[in-house]
Amino acid sequence: MKYFFLYIFFLILSFPLFYFVFKFGNPDNIAHDFYHYYPLYDDFDFIKSPPPFNMRCIGAFFIYLIHQTISYPDTETVFQYNPFGFKESVWFSAVFFNYLILAATALLIFLCYRSSFHQNNQKSTVYGLMAALLFYFGYGILFFDLMPITEAFSVFLFSLALYLLKHRSKFIWLTLPFIIFQREFLLVLLMIYVILEVKRFKIRFTGLFVIISILLLAFYVLLRNYYFLNPYLDRKSTRLNSSHIPLSRMPSSAWKK
């Protein structure tokens, strides 16, 4: 229960950041990938989203659920003046989900750092809070992770994987497939981390982790080149310029409010 209240504390602490991004954020400058993820957020449509964006579907699915279930607060935002008819409710759902998940990430960072000490005393708690706050008020949160793209949930999954590895939990094996469908290169980073810490994890675990990671990466390549490949919407043909002209290839009905 005490960790629940700590999560609420992180939510309250970061609410001004969330509100600022929701009211004044504009994906055109630093988060234009939002337009690639938009079909997933709006109606979970893989066809209209090009690879590799349509494979980063775990976080996108939760945003889609929020969009379908939570009422959008009707308030004036910078985003509502976009000239392409994108729904403000989708924008809100993506930013709101990232707001929730970043608070959970901060809690994970607190727990990871706190458990680094042999004794969970007051000193370890203070250092854990400092680490979480340093994560929160870094440049990346306001100008990147809170924006309506998939980085926030990717950071959460990476932090969760590190926490599970640190505690040698068997749930790490359930986390790896989710990473493949969120941000594949994180699996490479985890594999490098386990190899570098081979003395800690032992050769047997390290070897098994590397083998499973390689198999999952091969599975990812197979899916990307066959199941998720859309020859009409590959990444090169949909790379957005400043006017987002390539989006006009998609049916106009998909973007209207």
Protein backbone atom coordinates (compact mmCIF):
# COMPACT_ATOMS: atom_id res chain seq x y z
CA MET A 1 0.00 0.00 0.00
CA LYS A 2 2.87 2.39 0.74
CA TYR A 3 4.11 1.99 -2.84
CA PHE A 4 0.65 2.86 -4.12
CA PHE A 5 0.80 6.17 -2.25
CA LEU A 6 4.29 6.73 -3.62
CA TYR A 7 2.89 6.20 -7.13
CA ILE A 8 0.18 8.77 -6.40
CA PHE A 9 2.91 11.13 -5.18
CA PHE A 10 4.73 10.78 -8.51
CA LEU A 11 1.49 11.41 -10.38
CA ILE A 12 0.82 14.60 -8.41
CA LEU A 13 4.42 15.71 -8.80
CA SER A 14 4.39 15.29 -12.58
CA PHE A 15 0.89 16.62 -13.23
CA PRO A 16 2.14 20.10 -14.25
CA LEU A 17 4.41 18.45 -16.86
CA PHE A 18 1.49 16.40 -18.18
CA TYR A 19 -0.79 19.43 -18.34
CA PHE A 20 1.83 21.51 -20.13
CA VAL A 21 2.41 18.87 -22.82
CA PHE A 22 -1.33 18.25 -23.24
CA LYS A 23 -2.15 21.97 -23.57
CA PHE A 24 0.85 23.29 -25.44
CA GLY A 25 2.55 20.26 -26.98
CA ASN A 26 3.01 20.02 -30.74
CA PRO A 27 4.28 16.77 -32.31
CA ASP A 28 5.45 18.51 -35.47
CA ASN A 29 8.81 19.53 -34.06
CA ILE A 30 10.10 16.64 -31.92
CA ALA A 31 7.47 13.88 -31.99
CA HIS A 32 6.28 13.68 -35.58
CA ASP A 33 6.26 9.87 -35.33
CA PHE A 34 2.93 10.40 -33.59
CA TYR A 35 1.36 10.58 -37.05
CA HIS A 36 2.71 7.11 -37.86
CA TYR A 37 1.28 5.71 -34.63
CA TYR A 38 -2.04 7.52 -35.03
CA PRO A 39 -3.86 4.63 -36.84
CA LEU A 40 -2.92 2.31 -33.96
CA TYR A 41 -4.05 4.79 -31.33
CA ASP A 42 -7.30 5.59 -33.08
CA ASP A 43 -8.65 2.19 -34.15
CA PHE A 44 -5.69 -0.19 -33.79
CA ASP A 45 -5.29 -0.45 -37.55
CA PHE A 46 -2.01 -2.12 -38.56
CA ILE A 47 -2.53 -1.54 -42.27
CA LYS A 48 -2.43 2.25 -42.15
CA SER A 49 0.63 2.34 -39.91
CA PRO A 50 3.96 1.55 -41.62
CA PRO A 51 6.62 -0.80 -40.26
CA PRO A 52 8.34 -0.71 -37.85
CA PHE A 53 5.78 1.54 -36.17
CA ASN A 54 2.94 -0.97 -36.53
CA MET A 55 5.00 -3.52 -34.57
CA ARG A 56 5.31 -1.29 -31.53
CA CYS A 57 1.83 -2.23 -30.53
CA ILE A 58 1.83 -3.02 -26.79
CA GLY A 59 1.78 0.56 -25.56
CA ALA A 60 -0.31 1.57 -28.56
CA PHE A 61 -2.95 -0.97 -27.55
CA PHE A 62 -3.30 0.57 -24.08
CA ILE A 63 -3.61 4.03 -25.65
CA TYR A 64 -6.30 2.64 -27.93
CA LEU A 65 -8.18 1.27 -24.89
CA ILE A 66 -7.97 4.63 -23.13
CA HIS A 67 -9.22 6.35 -26.26
CA GLN A 68 -12.20 3.99 -26.39
CA THR A 69 -13.15 4.18 -22.71
CA ILE A 70 -12.19 7.55 -21.20
CA SER A 71 -13.98 10.78 -22.03
CA TYR A 72 -11.80 13.49 -23.49
CA PRO A 73 -11.69 16.75 -21.46
CA ASP A 74 -13.04 19.41 -23.78
CA THR A 75 -10.52 22.20 -23.44
CA GLU A 76 -8.56 24.37 -25.82
CA THR A 77 -5.14 23.04 -26.81
CA VAL A 78 -2.49 23.88 -29.37
CA PHE A 79 -3.05 20.50 -31.01
CA GLN A 80 -6.66 21.26 -31.94
CA TYR A 81 -5.41 23.73 -34.53
CA ASN A 82 -3.63 21.04 -36.55
CA PRO A 83 -4.72 21.40 -40.20
CA PHE A 84 -5.12 17.68 -40.87
CA GLY A 85 -8.19 16.83 -38.81
CA PHE A 86 -6.49 14.57 -36.26
CA LYS A 87 -8.63 13.85 -33.22
CA GLU A 88 -7.78 15.68 -30.02
CA SER A 89 -9.10 12.71 -28.06
CA VAL A 90 -6.34 10.53 -29.53
CA TRP A 91 -3.76 13.16 -28.62
CA PHE A 92 -5.06 13.29 -25.05
CA SER A 93 -5.18 9.49 -24.69
CA ALA A 94 -1.55 9.11 -25.77
CA VAL A 95 -0.24 11.88 -23.51
CA PHE A 96 -2.37 10.67 -20.57
CA PHE A 97 -1.14 7.08 -20.91
CA ASN A 98 2.48 8.24 -21.01
CA TYR A 99 1.80 10.34 -17.91
CA LEU A 100 0.53 7.27 -16.03
CA ILE A 101 3.30 4.97 -17.21
CA LEU A 102 6.11 7.42 -16.43
CA ALA A 103 4.94 7.57 -12.81
CA ALA A 104 5.15 3.76 -12.73
CA THR A 105 8.66 3.98 -14.22
CA ALA A 106 9.71 6.41 -11.52
CA LEU A 107 8.42 3.96 -8.92
CA LEU A 108 10.43 1.14 -10.51
CA ILE A 109 13.57 3.29 -10.49
CA PHE A 110 12.98 4.04 -6.82
CA LEU A 111 12.61 0.32 -6.03
CA CYS A 112 15.66 -0.65 -8.09
CA TYR A 113 17.90 1.94 -6.49
CA ARG A 114 16.56 1.29 -3.00
CA SER A 115 17.21 -2.44 -3.31
CA SER A 116 20.83 -1.73 -4.26
CA PHE A 117 21.53 -1.18 -0.58
CA HIS A 118 21.93 -4.14 1.72
CA GLN A 119 19.56 -2.55 4.20
CA ASN A 120 16.34 -0.74 3.29
CA ASN A 121 16.89 2.10 5.73
CA GLN A 122 16.13 5.79 5.55
CA LYS A 123 19.29 6.51 3.58
CA SER A 124 18.38 4.03 0.85
CA THR A 125 14.89 5.57 0.64
CA VAL A 126 16.31 9.06 0.20
CA TYR A 127 18.71 7.93 -2.54
CA GLY A 128 15.89 6.02 -4.24
CA LEU A 129 13.72 9.16 -4.28
CA MET A 130 16.61 11.23 -5.62
CA ALA A 131 17.12 8.76 -8.48
CA ALA A 132 13.39 8.82 -9.33
CA LEU A 133 13.25 12.61 -9.24
CA LEU A 134 16.36 12.88 -11.39
CA PHE A 135 14.61 10.69 -13.95
CA TYR A 136 11.46 12.80 -13.76
CA PHE A 137 13.00 16.20 -14.20
CA GLY A 138 15.44 15.31 -16.92
CA TYR A 139 15.19 16.91 -20.34
CA GLY A 140 13.76 13.75 -21.93
CA ILE A 141 10.54 13.63 -19.90
CA LEU A 142 9.07 16.98 -20.87
CA PHE A 143 10.30 17.12 -24.45
CA PHE A 144 10.23 13.46 -25.42
CA ASP A 145 8.74 10.78 -23.16
CA LEU A 146 5.53 12.65 -22.36
CA MET A 147 4.93 13.35 -26.02
CA PRO A 148 2.43 10.96 -27.69
CA ILE A 149 4.92 8.41 -28.99
CA THR A 150 6.00 5.02 -27.64
CA GLU A 151 9.19 5.89 -25.77
CA ALA A 152 7.51 6.17 -22.34
CA PHE A 153 6.27 2.58 -22.33
CA SER A 154 9.58 1.40 -23.80
CA VAL A 155 11.44 2.98 -20.89
CA PHE A 156 8.98 1.36 -18.49
CA LEU A 157 9.51 -2.12 -19.96
CA PHE A 158 13.27 -1.67 -19.90
CA SER A 159 13.16 -0.57 -16.25
CA LEU A 160 10.88 -3.49 -15.42
CA ALA A 161 13.24 -5.94 -17.12
CA LEU A 162 16.22 -4.56 -15.19
CA TYR A 163 14.26 -4.81 -11.94
CA LEU A 164 13.33 -8.44 -12.65
CA LEU A 165 16.89 -9.30 -13.64
CA LYS A 166 18.21 -7.65 -10.49
CA HIS A 167 15.91 -9.80 -8.37
CA ARG A 168 16.42 -12.83 -10.60
CA SER A 169 12.71 -13.21 -11.05
CA LYS A 170 11.33 -15.85 -13.40
CA PHE A 171 8.89 -13.25 -14.71
CA ILE A 172 11.72 -11.88 -16.85
CA TRP A 173 10.92 -14.60 -19.40
CA LEU A 174 7.37 -13.26 -19.72
CA THR A 175 8.65 -9.72 -20.21
CA LEU A 176 10.92 -10.44 -23.18
CA PRO A 177 8.14 -11.13 -25.74
CA PHE A 178 6.45 -7.87 -24.76
CA ILE A 179 9.70 -6.02 -25.42
CA ILE A 180 9.81 -7.41 -28.96
CA PHE A 181 6.41 -5.88 -29.66
CA GLN A 182 7.31 -2.57 -28.07
CA ARG A 183 10.91 -1.66 -28.98
CA GLU A 184 13.10 -4.45 -30.30
CA PHE A 185 16.51 -2.86 -29.70
CA LEU A 186 15.87 -2.93 -25.94
CA LEU A 187 16.31 -6.68 -26.11
CA VAL A 188 19.79 -6.15 -27.56
CA LEU A 189 20.64 -3.78 -24.69
CA LEU A 190 19.43 -6.31 -22.13
CA MET A 191 21.44 -9.04 -23.80
CA ILE A 192 24.58 -6.90 -23.62
CA TYR A 193 23.87 -6.11 -19.96
CA VAL A 194 23.49 -9.80 -19.05
CA ILE A 195 26.69 -10.70 -20.91
CA LEU A 196 28.64 -7.97 -19.12
CA GLU A 197 27.25 -9.22 -15.79
CA VAL A 198 27.98 -12.88 -16.54
CA LYS A 199 29.74 -13.35 -13.19
CA ARG A 200 26.60 -12.29 -11.42
CA PHE A 201 24.09 -14.23 -13.51
CA LYS A 202 26.27 -17.32 -14.09
CA ILE A 203 27.11 -18.85 -17.46
CA ARG A 204 24.02 -21.06 -17.69
CA PHE A 205 21.54 -18.22 -17.22
CA THR A 206 23.54 -15.90 -19.51
CA GLY A 207 23.65 -18.50 -22.28
CA LEU A 208 19.93 -19.21 -21.99
CA PHE A 209 19.11 -15.49 -22.01
CA VAL A 210 21.22 -14.89 -25.12
CA ILE A 211 19.70 -17.85 -26.98
CA ILE A 212 16.12 -16.83 -26.19
CA SER A 213 16.87 -13.22 -27.10
CA ILE A 214 18.32 -14.21 -30.46
CA LEU A 215 15.31 -16.43 -31.19
CA LEU A 216 12.93 -13.59 -30.32
CA LEU A 217 14.86 -11.17 -32.53
CA ALA A 218 14.72 -13.67 -35.40
CA PHE A 219 10.96 -13.99 -34.81
CA TYR A 220 10.70 -10.20 -34.90
CA VAL A 221 12.53 -10.02 -38.25
CA LEU A 222 10.27 -12.72 -39.65
CA LEU A 223 7.11 -10.91 -38.58
CA ARG A 224 8.35 -7.55 -39.82
CA ASN A 225 9.23 -8.85 -43.26
CA TYR A 226 6.11 -10.90 -43.79
CA TYR A 227 3.17 -10.35 -41.47
CA PHE A 228 3.55 -6.65 -40.62
CA LEU A 229 5.04 -5.57 -43.93
CA ASN A 230 2.87 -3.18 -45.89
CA PRO A 231 4.44 -2.55 -49.31
CA TYR A 232 2.23 0.51 -49.83
CA LEU A 233 3.17 2.11 -46.53
CA ASP A 234 6.81 1.30 -45.92
CA ARG A 235 8.86 3.67 -43.81
CA LYS A 236 10.62 5.38 -46.73
CA SER A 237 7.41 6.15 -48.57
CA THR A 238 5.75 7.56 -45.45
CA ARG A 239 8.61 9.59 -44.01
CA LEU A 240 6.98 12.83 -42.98
CA ASN A 241 8.24 16.16 -44.10
CA SER A 242 7.23 19.45 -42.54
CA SER A 243 3.87 19.44 -44.29
CA HIS A 244 3.01 15.76 -43.64
CA ILE A 245 2.12 15.30 -47.31
CA PRO A 246 2.54 11.48 -47.32
CA LEU A 247 -0.41 11.14 -44.96
CA SER A 248 -2.67 12.24 -47.78
CA ARG A 249 -2.20 8.76 -49.25
CA MET A 250 -4.42 7.42 -46.52
CA PRO A 251 -8.22 7.62 -46.78
CA SER A 252 -9.41 10.99 -45.57
CA SER A 253 -12.16 9.33 -43.53
CA ALA A 254 -9.51 7.83 -41.27
CA TRP A 255 -8.39 11.23 -40.05
CA LYS A 256 -11.60 13.17 -39.70
CA LYS A 257 -13.15 13.89 -36.36
